[in-house]
C-alpha atoms as a PDB file:
ATOM      1  CA  UNK A   1     198.130 199.026  31.793  1.00  0.00           C
ATOM      2  CA  UNK A   2     195.524 198.379  29.228  1.00  0.00           C
ATOM      3  CA  UNK A   3     196.917 194.928  28.782  1.00  0.00           C
ATOM      4  CA  UNK A   4     196.515 194.105  32.528  1.00  0.00           C
ATOM      5  CA  UNK A   5     192.947 195.355  32.567  1.00  0.00           C
ATOM      6  CA  UNK A   6     192.161 193.216  29.608  1.00  0.00           C
ATOM      7  CA  UNK A   7     193.573 190.142  31.334  1.00  0.00           C
ATOM      8  CA  UNK A   8     191.548 190.905  34.515  1.00  0.00           C
ATOM      9  CA  UNK A   9     188.308 191.108  32.591  1.00  0.00           C
ATOM     10  CA  UNK A  10     189.130 187.849  30.897  1.00  0.00           C
ATOM     11  CA  UNK A  11     189.638 186.157  34.275  1.00  0.00           C
ATOM     12  CA  UNK A  12     186.375 187.650  35.560  1.00  0.00           C
ATOM     13  CA  UNK A  13     184.481 186.322  32.551  1.00  0.00           C
ATOM     14  CA  UNK A  14     186.015 182.895  33.108  1.00  0.00           C
ATOM     15  CA  UNK A  15     185.189 182.792  36.855  1.00  0.00           C
ATOM     16  CA  UNK A  16     181.676 184.172  36.529  1.00  0.00           C
ATOM     17  CA  UNK A  17     180.059 181.017  35.085  1.00  0.00           C
ATOM     18  CA  UNK A  18     181.799 178.937  37.719  1.00  0.00           C
ATOM     19  CA  UNK A  19     180.472 181.178  40.461  1.00  0.00           C
ATOM     20  CA  UNK A  20     176.996 181.215  38.990  1.00  0.00           C
ATOM     21  CA  UNK A  21     177.060 177.405  38.703  1.00  0.00           C
ATOM     22  CA  UNK A  22     178.204 177.108  42.296  1.00  0.00           C
ATOM     23  CA  UNK A  23     175.434 179.387  43.488  1.00  0.00           C
ATOM     24  CA  UNK A  24     172.827 177.453  41.470  1.00  0.00           C
ATOM     25  CA  UNK A  25     174.045 174.088  42.652  1.00  0.00           C
ATOM     26  CA  UNK A  26     174.213 175.308  46.227  1.00  0.00           C
ATOM     27  CA  UNK A  27     170.631 176.469  46.132  1.00  0.00           C
ATOM     28  CA  UNK A  28     169.293 173.458  44.123  1.00  0.00           C
ATOM     29  CA  UNK A  29     170.936 170.590  46.008  1.00  0.00           C
ATOM     30  CA  UNK A  30     168.444 170.488  48.927  1.00  0.00           C
ATOM     31  CA  UNK A  31     165.574 170.447  46.420  1.00  0.00           C
ATOM     32  CA  UNK A  32     167.035 167.355  44.701  1.00  0.00           C
ATOM     33  CA  UNK A  33     168.022 165.719  47.966  1.00  0.00           C
ATOM     34  CA  UNK A  34     164.500 165.824  49.554  1.00  0.00           C
ATOM     35  CA  UNK A  35     162.651 163.821  46.830  1.00  0.00           C
ATOM     36  CA  UNK A  36     165.409 161.238  46.747  1.00  0.00           C
ATOM     37  CA  UNK A  37     165.174 160.744  50.502  1.00  0.00           C
ATOM     38  CA  UNK A  38     161.366 160.443  50.416  1.00  0.00           C
ATOM     39  CA  UNK A  39     161.567 157.967  47.573  1.00  0.00           C
ATOM     40  CA  UNK A  40     164.048 155.917  49.527  1.00  0.00           C
ATOM     41  CA  UNK A  41     161.774 155.895  52.598  1.00  0.00           C
ATOM     42  CA  UNK A  42     158.766 154.958  50.451  1.00  0.00           C
ATOM     43  CA  UNK A  43     160.670 152.133  48.852  1.00  0.00           C
ATOM     44  CA  UNK A  44     161.774 150.935  52.278  1.00  0.00           C
ATOM     45  CA  UNK A  45     158.166 151.020  53.592  1.00  0.00           C
ATOM     46  CA  UNK A  46     156.773 149.223  50.551  1.00  0.00           C
ATOM     47  CA  UNK A  47     159.501 146.607  50.697  1.00  0.00           C
ATOM     48  CA  UNK A  48     158.792 145.973  54.394  1.00  0.00           C
ATOM     49  CA  UNK A  49     155.053 145.559  53.705  1.00  0.00           C
ATOM     50  CA  UNK A  50     155.710 143.250  50.779  1.00  0.00           C
ATOM     51  CA  UNK A  51     158.147 141.271  52.849  1.00  0.00           C
ATOM     52  CA  UNK A  52     155.550 140.945  55.646  1.00  0.00           C
ATOM     53  CA  UNK A  53     152.919 139.843  53.144  1.00  0.00           C
ATOM     54  CA  UNK A  54     155.331 137.413  51.591  1.00  0.00           C
ATOM     55  CA  UNK A  55     156.173 135.943  54.972  1.00  0.00           C
ATOM     56  CA  UNK A  56     152.453 135.638  55.829  1.00  0.00           C
ATOM     57  CA  UNK A  57     151.760 133.939  52.508  1.00  0.00           C
ATOM     58  CA  UNK A  58     154.654 131.579  53.076  1.00  0.00           C
ATOM     59  CA  UNK A  59     153.303 130.672  56.538  1.00  0.00           C
ATOM     60  CA  UNK A  60     149.823 130.087  55.085  1.00  0.00           C
ATOM     61  CA  UNK A  61     151.296 127.941  52.344  1.00  0.00           C
ATOM     62  CA  UNK A  62     153.226 125.884  54.888  1.00  0.00           C
ATOM     63  CA  UNK A  63     150.079 125.500  57.029  1.00  0.00           C
ATOM     64  CA  UNK A  64     147.975 124.454  54.021  1.00  0.00           C
ATOM     65  CA  UNK A  65     150.702 122.041  52.936  1.00  0.00           C
ATOM     66  CA  UNK A  66     150.691 120.477  56.402  1.00  0.00           C
ATOM     67  CA  UNK A  67     146.900 120.208  56.357  1.00  0.00           C
ATOM     68  CA  UNK A  68     147.044 118.647  52.919  1.00  0.00           C
ATOM     69  CA  UNK A  69     149.596 116.136  54.140  1.00  0.00           C
ATOM     70  CA  UNK A  70     147.407 115.244  57.121  1.00  0.00           C
ATOM     71  CA  UNK A  71     144.418 114.918  54.808  1.00  0.00           C
ATOM     72  CA  UNK A  72     146.354 112.601  52.522  1.00  0.00           C
ATOM     73  CA  UNK A  73     147.374 110.504  55.523  1.00  0.00           C
ATOM     74  CA  UNK A  74     143.731 110.319  56.669  1.00  0.00           C
ATOM     75  CA  UNK A  75     142.670 109.289  53.181  1.00  0.00           C
ATOM     76  CA  UNK A  76     145.317 106.571  53.163  1.00  0.00           C
ATOM     77  CA  UNK A  77     144.162 105.422  56.603  1.00  0.00           C
ATOM     78  CA  UNK A  78     140.533 105.386  55.482  1.00  0.00           C
ATOM     79  CA  UNK A  79     141.503 103.336  52.448  1.00  0.00           C
ATOM     80  CA  UNK A  80     143.310 100.885  54.689  1.00  0.00           C
ATOM     81  CA  UNK A  81     140.345 100.742  57.074  1.00  0.00           C
ATOM     82  CA  UNK A  82     137.943 100.306  54.171  1.00  0.00           C
ATOM     83  CA  UNK A  83     140.078  97.490  52.855  1.00  0.00           C
ATOM     84  CA  UNK A  84     140.168  96.002  56.340  1.00  0.00           C
ATOM     85  CA  UNK A  85     136.391  96.345  56.644  1.00  0.00           C
ATOM     86  CA  UNK A  86     135.953  94.578  53.327  1.00  0.00           C
ATOM     87  CA  UNK A  87     138.244  91.816  54.512  1.00  0.00           C
ATOM     88  CA  UNK A  88     136.305  91.577  57.777  1.00  0.00           C
ATOM     89  CA  UNK A  89     133.054  91.453  55.809  1.00  0.00           C
ATOM     90  CA  UNK A  90     134.452  88.650  53.692  1.00  0.00           C
ATOM     91  CA  UNK A  91     135.580  86.798  56.808  1.00  0.00           C
ATOM     92  CA  UNK A  92     132.214  87.370  58.481  1.00  0.00           C
ATOM     93  CA  UNK A  93     130.403  86.173  55.386  1.00  0.00           C
ATOM     94  CA  UNK A  94     132.573  83.076  55.221  1.00  0.00           C
ATOM     95  CA  UNK A  95     132.056  82.494  58.946  1.00  0.00           C
ATOM     96  CA  UNK A  96     128.316  82.963  58.534  1.00  0.00           C
ATOM     97  CA  UNK A  97     128.230  80.467  55.699  1.00  0.00           C
ATOM     98  CA  UNK A  98     130.319  78.061  57.739  1.00  0.00           C
ATOM     99  CA  UNK A  99     128.084  78.605  60.754  1.00  0.00           C
ATOM    100  CA  UNK A 100     125.036  77.937  58.620  1.00  0.00           C
ATOM    101  CA  UNK A 101     126.612  74.737  57.386  1.00  0.00           C
ATOM    102  CA  UNK A 102     127.548  73.751  60.935  1.00  0.00           C
ATOM    103  CA  UNK A 103     124.051  74.632  62.108  1.00  0.00           C
ATOM    104  CA  UNK A 104     122.556  72.367  59.470  1.00  0.00           C
ATOM    105  CA  UNK A 105     124.866  69.558  60.498  1.00  0.00           C
ATOM    106  CA  UNK A 106     124.603  70.210  64.258  1.00  0.00           C
ATOM    107  CA  UNK A 107     120.863  70.874  64.473  1.00  0.00           C
ATOM    108  CA  UNK A 108     119.255  68.702  67.141  1.00  0.00           C
ATOM    109  CA  UNK A 109     116.871  66.141  65.628  1.00  0.00           C
ATOM    110  CA  UNK A 110     116.257  64.544  69.033  1.00  0.00           C
ATOM    111  CA  UNK A 111     114.366  67.556  70.361  1.00  0.00           C
ATOM    112  CA  UNK A 112     110.871  66.975  71.714  1.00  0.00           C
ATOM    113  CA  UNK A 113     109.657  70.413  70.618  1.00  0.00           C
ATOM    114  CA  UNK A 114     110.657  69.509  67.041  1.00  0.00           C
ATOM    115  CA  UNK A 115     108.660  66.303  67.059  1.00  0.00           C
ATOM    116  CA  UNK A 116     111.087  63.701  68.406  1.00  0.00           C
ATOM    117  CA  UNK A 117     109.573  60.998  70.620  1.00  0.00           C
ATOM    118  CA  UNK A 118     110.625  57.914  72.553  1.00  0.00           C
ATOM    119  CA  UNK A 119     109.877  54.404  71.315  1.00  0.00           C
ATOM    120  CA  UNK A 120     108.779  53.226  74.740  1.00  0.00           C
ATOM    121  CA  UNK A 121     108.358  49.594  73.702  1.00  0.00           C
ATOM    122  CA  UNK A 122     112.040  49.235  72.890  1.00  0.00           C
ATOM    123  CA  UNK A 123     113.350  51.474  75.666  1.00  0.00           C
ATOM    124  CA  UNK A 124     114.626  50.170  79.005  1.00  0.00           C
ATOM    125  CA  UNK A 125     112.549  50.473  82.150  1.00  0.00           C
ATOM    126  CA  UNK A 126     112.763  53.531  84.355  1.00  0.00           C
ATOM    127  CA  UNK A 127     114.450  53.033  87.718  1.00  0.00           C
ATOM    128  CA  UNK A 128     111.750  52.087  90.247  1.00  0.00           C
ATOM    129  CA  UNK A 129     113.742  52.223  93.495  1.00  0.00           C
ATOM    130  CA  UNK A 130     111.906  49.216  95.007  1.00  0.00           C
ATOM    131  CA  UNK A 131     114.830  47.453  96.620  1.00  0.00           C
ATOM    132  CA  UNK A 132     115.756  50.267  99.014  1.00  0.00           C
ATOM    133  CA  UNK A 133     113.311  51.331 101.767  1.00  0.00           C
ATOM    134  CA  UNK A 134     114.876  54.739 102.252  1.00  0.00           C
ATOM    135  CA  UNK A 135     114.814  55.334  98.520  1.00  0.00           C
ATOM    136  CA  UNK A 136     111.149  54.285  98.356  1.00  0.00           C
ATOM    137  CA  UNK A 137     110.290  56.857 101.024  1.00  0.00           C
ATOM    138  CA  UNK A 138     112.180  59.563  99.153  1.00  0.00           C
ATOM    139  CA  UNK A 139     110.607  58.696  95.797  1.00  0.00           C
ATOM    140  CA  UNK A 140     107.153  58.569  97.369  1.00  0.00           C
ATOM    141  CA  UNK A 141     107.154  62.363  97.281  1.00  0.00           C
ATOM    142  CA  UNK A 142     108.337  62.565  93.671  1.00  0.00           C
ATOM    143  CA  UNK A 143     107.864  60.494  90.568  1.00  0.00           C
ATOM    144  CA  UNK A 144     110.730  59.396  88.351  1.00  0.00           C
ATOM    145  CA  UNK A 145     111.261  61.403  85.194  1.00  0.00           C
ATOM    146  CA  UNK A 146     110.048  59.702  81.981  1.00  0.00           C
ATOM    147  CA  UNK A 147     112.443  58.757  79.151  1.00  0.00           C
ATOM    148  CA  UNK A 148     111.518  61.778  76.992  1.00  0.00           C
ATOM    149  CA  UNK A 149     113.255  63.953  79.612  1.00  0.00           C
ATOM    150  CA  UNK A 150     116.414  63.400  77.584  1.00  0.00           C
ATOM    151  CA  UNK A 151     114.790  65.106  74.584  1.00  0.00           C
ATOM    152  CA  UNK A 152     114.420  68.453  76.366  1.00  0.00           C
ATOM    153  CA  UNK A 153     117.041  71.176  76.976  1.00  0.00           C
ATOM    154  CA  UNK A 154     116.400  71.431  80.743  1.00  0.00           C
ATOM    155  CA  UNK A 155     119.450  69.862  82.395  1.00  0.00           C
ATOM    156  CA  UNK A 156     118.977  71.221  85.905  1.00  0.00           C
ATOM    157  CA  UNK A 157     120.347  68.909  88.635  1.00  0.00           C
ATOM    158  CA  UNK A 158     118.102  65.912  89.130  1.00  0.00           C
ATOM    159  CA  UNK A 159     116.148  66.458  85.905  1.00  0.00           C
ATOM    160  CA  UNK A 160     117.402  63.294  84.212  1.00  0.00           C
ATOM    161  CA  UNK A 161     115.944  59.988  83.111  1.00  0.00           C
ATOM    162  CA  UNK A 162     117.161  57.150  85.401  1.00  0.00           C
ATOM    163  CA  UNK A 163     117.204  53.873  83.508  1.00  0.00           C
ATOM    164  CA  UNK A 164     117.209  50.688  85.533  1.00  0.00           C
ATOM    165  CA  UNK A 165     120.688  49.283  86.240  1.00  0.00           C
ATOM    166  CA  UNK A 166     124.080  50.124  84.813  1.00  0.00           C
ATOM    167  CA  UNK A 167     123.114  48.967  81.334  1.00  0.00           C
ATOM    168  CA  UNK A 168     120.157  49.771  79.135  1.00  0.00           C
ATOM    169  CA  UNK A 169     118.956  51.435  75.993  1.00  0.00           C
ATOM    170  CA  UNK A 170     116.722  54.156  74.628  1.00  0.00           C
ATOM    171  CA  UNK A 171     115.257  54.341  71.118  1.00  0.00           C
ATOM    172  CA  UNK A 172     114.473  57.803  69.768  1.00  0.00           C
ATOM    173  CA  UNK A 173     112.048  58.355  66.910  1.00  0.00           C
ATOM    174  CA  UNK A 174     113.268  61.338  64.873  1.00  0.00           C
ATOM    175  CA  UNK A 175     110.793  63.763  63.276  1.00  0.00           C
ATOM    176  CA  UNK A 176     112.267  63.054  59.821  1.00  0.00           C
ATOM    177  CA  UNK A 177     114.616  60.820  57.871  1.00  0.00           C
ATOM    178  CA  UNK A 178     118.109  62.086  58.735  1.00  0.00           C
ATOM    179  CA  UNK A 179     121.595  61.402  57.399  1.00  0.00           C
ATOM    180  CA  UNK A 180     123.281  61.166  60.791  1.00  0.00           C
ATOM    181  CA  UNK A 181     126.608  62.852  61.504  1.00  0.00           C
ATOM    182  CA  UNK A 182     127.093  62.931  65.292  1.00  0.00           C
ATOM    183  CA  UNK A 183     125.564  62.352  68.718  1.00  0.00           C
ATOM    184  CA  UNK A 184     125.893  64.616  71.752  1.00  0.00           C
ATOM    185  CA  UNK A 185     125.542  63.481  75.378  1.00  0.00           C
ATOM    186  CA  UNK A 186     125.258  65.902  78.295  1.00  0.00           C
ATOM    187  CA  UNK A 187     125.530  65.356  82.053  1.00  0.00           C
ATOM    188  CA  UNK A 188     125.915  67.644  85.073  1.00  0.00           C
ATOM    189  CA  UNK A 189     128.976  68.523  87.133  1.00  0.00           C
ATOM    190  CA  UNK A 190     129.838  66.710  90.324  1.00  0.00           C
ATOM    191  CA  UNK A 191     129.605  69.976  92.287  1.00  0.00           C
ATOM    192  CA  UNK A 192     125.884  70.395  91.523  1.00  0.00           C
ATOM    193  CA  UNK A 193     124.863  66.736  91.580  1.00  0.00           C
ATOM    194  CA  UNK A 194     122.176  65.923  94.190  1.00  0.00           C
ATOM    195  CA  UNK A 195     124.148  62.820  95.186  1.00  0.00           C
ATOM    196  CA  UNK A 196     127.480  64.643  95.190  1.00  0.00           C
ATOM    197  CA  UNK A 197     128.859  62.223  92.602  1.00  0.00           C
ATOM    198  CA  UNK A 198     128.569  61.528  88.875  1.00  0.00           C
ATOM    199  CA  UNK A 199     128.956  57.759  89.070  1.00  0.00           C
ATOM    200  CA  UNK A 200     125.495  57.339  87.513  1.00  0.00           C
ATOM    201  CA  UNK A 201     126.620  59.048  84.273  1.00  0.00           C
ATOM    202  CA  UNK A 202     126.761  56.818  81.177  1.00  0.00           C
ATOM    203  CA  UNK A 203     130.227  55.664  80.209  1.00  0.00           C
ATOM    204  CA  UNK A 204     130.494  53.322  77.222  1.00  0.00           C
ATOM    205  CA  UNK A 205     127.783  53.883  74.624  1.00  0.00           C
ATOM    206  CA  UNK A 206     126.974  52.424  71.211  1.00  0.00           C
ATOM    207  CA  UNK A 207     124.815  54.173  68.612  1.00  0.00           C
ATOM    208  CA  UNK A 208     122.630  52.368  66.087  1.00  0.00           C
ATOM    209  CA  UNK A 209     120.563  53.562  63.167  1.00  0.00           C
ATOM    210  CA  UNK A 210     117.239  51.761  63.006  1.00  0.00           C
ATOM    211  CA  UNK A 211     115.023  51.294  59.963  1.00  0.00           C
ATOM    212  CA  UNK A 212     111.507  52.642  59.874  1.00  0.00           C
ATOM    213  CA  UNK A 213     110.114  49.119  60.215  1.00  0.00           C
ATOM    214  CA  UNK A 214     112.362  48.793  63.305  1.00  0.00           C
ATOM    215  CA  UNK A 215     113.707  45.431  62.264  1.00  0.00           C
ATOM    216  CA  UNK A 216     117.232  46.115  61.000  1.00  0.00           C
ATOM    217  CA  UNK A 217     119.828  47.960  63.068  1.00  0.00           C
ATOM    218  CA  UNK A 218     123.092  49.458  61.800  1.00  0.00           C
ATOM    219  CA  UNK A 219     125.982  50.153  64.171  1.00  0.00           C
ATOM    220  CA  UNK A 220     127.048  53.768  63.594  1.00  0.00           C
ATOM    221  CA  UNK A 221     129.713  54.121  66.259  1.00  0.00           C
ATOM    222  CA  UNK A 222     130.829  53.582  69.837  1.00  0.00           C
ATOM    223  CA  UNK A 223     132.206  56.150  72.245  1.00  0.00           C
ATOM    224  CA  UNK A 224     133.011  56.816  75.890  1.00  0.00           C
ATOM    225  CA  UNK A 225     131.520  59.719  77.812  1.00  0.00           C
ATOM    226  CA  UNK A 226     134.334  60.976  80.067  1.00  0.00           C
ATOM    227  CA  UNK A 227     133.079  62.623  83.281  1.00  0.00           C
ATOM    228  CA  UNK A 228     136.489  64.287  83.725  1.00  0.00           C
ATOM    229  CA  UNK A 229     136.025  66.344  80.556  1.00  0.00           C
ATOM    230  CA  UNK A 230     133.405  68.812  79.330  1.00  0.00           C
ATOM    231  CA  UNK A 231     129.807  68.392  80.413  1.00  0.00           C
ATOM    232  CA  UNK A 232     128.645  68.443  76.781  1.00  0.00           C
ATOM    233  CA  UNK A 233     130.522  65.979  74.592  1.00  0.00           C
ATOM    234  CA  UNK A 234     129.866  65.436  70.882  1.00  0.00           C
ATOM    235  CA  UNK A 235     130.893  62.210  69.162  1.00  0.00           C
ATOM    236  CA  UNK A 236     131.119  62.106  65.340  1.00  0.00           C
ATOM    237  CA  UNK A 237     129.781  58.946  63.743  1.00  0.00           C
ATOM    238  CA  UNK A 238     131.871  56.885  61.359  1.00  0.00           C
ATOM    239  CA  UNK A 239     131.530  57.607  57.646  1.00  0.00           C
ATOM    240  CA  UNK A 240     129.435  60.702  58.430  1.00  0.00           C
ATOM    241  CA  UNK A 241     127.339  62.031  56.899  1.00  0.00           C
ATOM    242  CA  UNK A 242     125.944  58.592  56.258  1.00  0.00           C
ATOM    243  CA  UNK A 243     124.577  57.980  52.750  1.00  0.00           C
ATOM    244  CA  UNK A 244     121.653  56.179  54.321  1.00  0.00           C
ATOM    245  CA  UNK A 245     119.034  58.118  56.274  1.00  0.00           C
ATOM    246  CA  UNK A 246     117.375  56.869  59.465  1.00  0.00           C
ATOM    247  CA  UNK A 247     114.248  57.859  61.324  1.00  0.00           C
ATOM    248  CA  UNK A 248     115.118  55.937  64.513  1.00  0.00           C
ATOM    249  CA  UNK A 249     118.277  56.056  66.623  1.00  0.00           C
ATOM    250  CA  UNK A 250     119.136  53.692  69.426  1.00  0.00           C
ATOM    251  CA  UNK A 251     121.582  54.498  72.229  1.00  0.00           C
ATOM    252  CA  UNK A 252     122.857  51.402  73.995  1.00  0.00           C
ATOM    253  CA  UNK A 253     124.463  52.158  77.360  1.00  0.00           C
ATOM    254  CA  UNK A 254     127.000  49.411  78.010  1.00  0.00           C
ATOM    255  CA  UNK A 255     128.256  50.766  81.335  1.00  0.00           C
ATOM    256  CA  UNK A 256     128.208  53.729  83.678  1.00  0.00           C
ATOM    257  CA  UNK A 257     130.777  55.198  86.090  1.00  0.00           C
ATOM    258  CA  UNK A 258     130.060  52.918  89.043  1.00  0.00           C
ATOM    259  CA  UNK A 259     126.402  53.090  90.071  1.00  0.00           C
ATOM    260  CA  UNK A 260     124.936  49.545  89.907  1.00  0.00           C
ATOM    261  CA  UNK A 261     121.350  50.647  90.606  1.00  0.00           C
ATOM    262  CA  UNK A 262     120.648  53.145  87.846  1.00  0.00           C
ATOM    263  CA  UNK A 263     122.143  55.261  85.074  1.00  0.00           C
ATOM    264  CA  UNK A 264     121.111  58.898  84.713  1.00  0.00           C
ATOM    265  CA  UNK A 265     120.857  60.347  81.211  1.00  0.00           C
ATOM    266  CA  UNK A 266     120.307  64.109  81.164  1.00  0.00           C
ATOM    267  CA  UNK A 267     120.205  64.954  77.492  1.00  0.00           C
ATOM    268  CA  UNK A 268     120.888  63.334  74.129  1.00  0.00           C
ATOM    269  CA  UNK A 269     121.150  65.244  70.865  1.00  0.00           C
ATOM    270  CA  UNK A 270     121.195  63.709  67.401  1.00  0.00           C
ATOM    271  CA  UNK A 271     122.814  65.667  64.562  1.00  0.00           C
ATOM    272  CA  UNK A 272     122.655  65.307  60.809  1.00  0.00           C
ATOM    273  CA  UNK A 273     121.122  66.478  57.534  1.00  0.00           C
ATOM    274  CA  UNK A 274     117.497  65.870  56.747  1.00  0.00           C
ATOM    275  CA  UNK A 275     116.910  63.621  53.735  1.00  0.00           C
ATOM    276  CA  UNK A 276     113.773  65.353  52.444  1.00  0.00           C
ATOM    277  CA  UNK A 277     113.355  68.801  53.915  1.00  0.00           C
ATOM    278  CA  UNK A 278     110.444  69.784  51.665  1.00  0.00           C
ATOM    279  CA  UNK A 279     108.309  66.845  52.753  1.00  0.00           C
ATOM    280  CA  UNK A 280     109.191  67.449  56.403  1.00  0.00           C
ATOM    281  CA  UNK A 281     108.309  71.146  56.132  1.00  0.00           C
ATOM    282  CA  UNK A 282     104.936  70.328  54.566  1.00  0.00           C
ATOM    283  CA  UNK A 283     104.208  67.744  57.262  1.00  0.00           C
ATOM    284  CA  UNK A 284     105.158  70.165  60.048  1.00  0.00           C
ATOM    285  CA  UNK A 285     102.973  72.845  58.435  1.00  0.00           C
ATOM    286  CA  UNK A 286      99.963  70.512  58.388  1.00  0.00           C
ATOM    287  CA  UNK A 287     100.557  69.492  62.015  1.00  0.00           C
ATOM    288  CA  UNK A 288     100.822  73.115  63.136  1.00  0.00           C
ATOM    289  CA  UNK A 289      97.670  73.963  61.141  1.00  0.00           C
ATOM    290  CA  UNK A 290      95.728  71.209  62.900  1.00  0.00           C
ATOM    291  CA  UNK A 291      96.828  72.449  66.281  1.00  0.00           C
END
């Protein structure tokens, strides 16, 4: 009996710690569980916020990258445009220089306002219209234009110089010694002609350079003014620019386009480079000062 009681007490002592541990764990488990759950929720919330921030940062980075790419493209385009502008400037500069050169060569030395005049003594007579009664009546109300009409830019219909017959000549005194390069002849269109035709236009023409003493003449070229082409036609002279400068130019009209009574010359331009620009400038300055 004593032995059984002893065994029972031994079992009780063995089970007591287990029971106490069970009671302690049973009462402590909720206390451990609550902080762990809160920590898990906090970690979840923080992770979500960080993830949102990370996504926002990523979107901003992508947007800034796109803007940077567009900026780089604009810079590249500006560089290309700048290069193009520089090329255009170079082209414009070259064109300007070429235009200046052309202007020097194509300046009109047979312009009355620049000092050009007509050598009347060696120029053909103006058409007088004496052989036709109807023409005499018509010309009674208007006088024929003088030869220096061809030295002025007004080429309105009827404002021409009518030289007598289908052949004749005009000698132009230039305002300076000029190395001649070309001659330009201008007429009007058939549609605006007072007569309705252009048969009075010059056709075959020869150009001569004349010395200052007006004794020696040098043939510079021959050409044909074609009424079927442009109204303004420029004819380069042979061996232009000529090494020799002239102060007189003679235009010899060999034929016109069918009018036997008169030949109408509207405008003549003489082109070339002046031999002594300084002397001409000083002379023009003195003339303008006297006026």
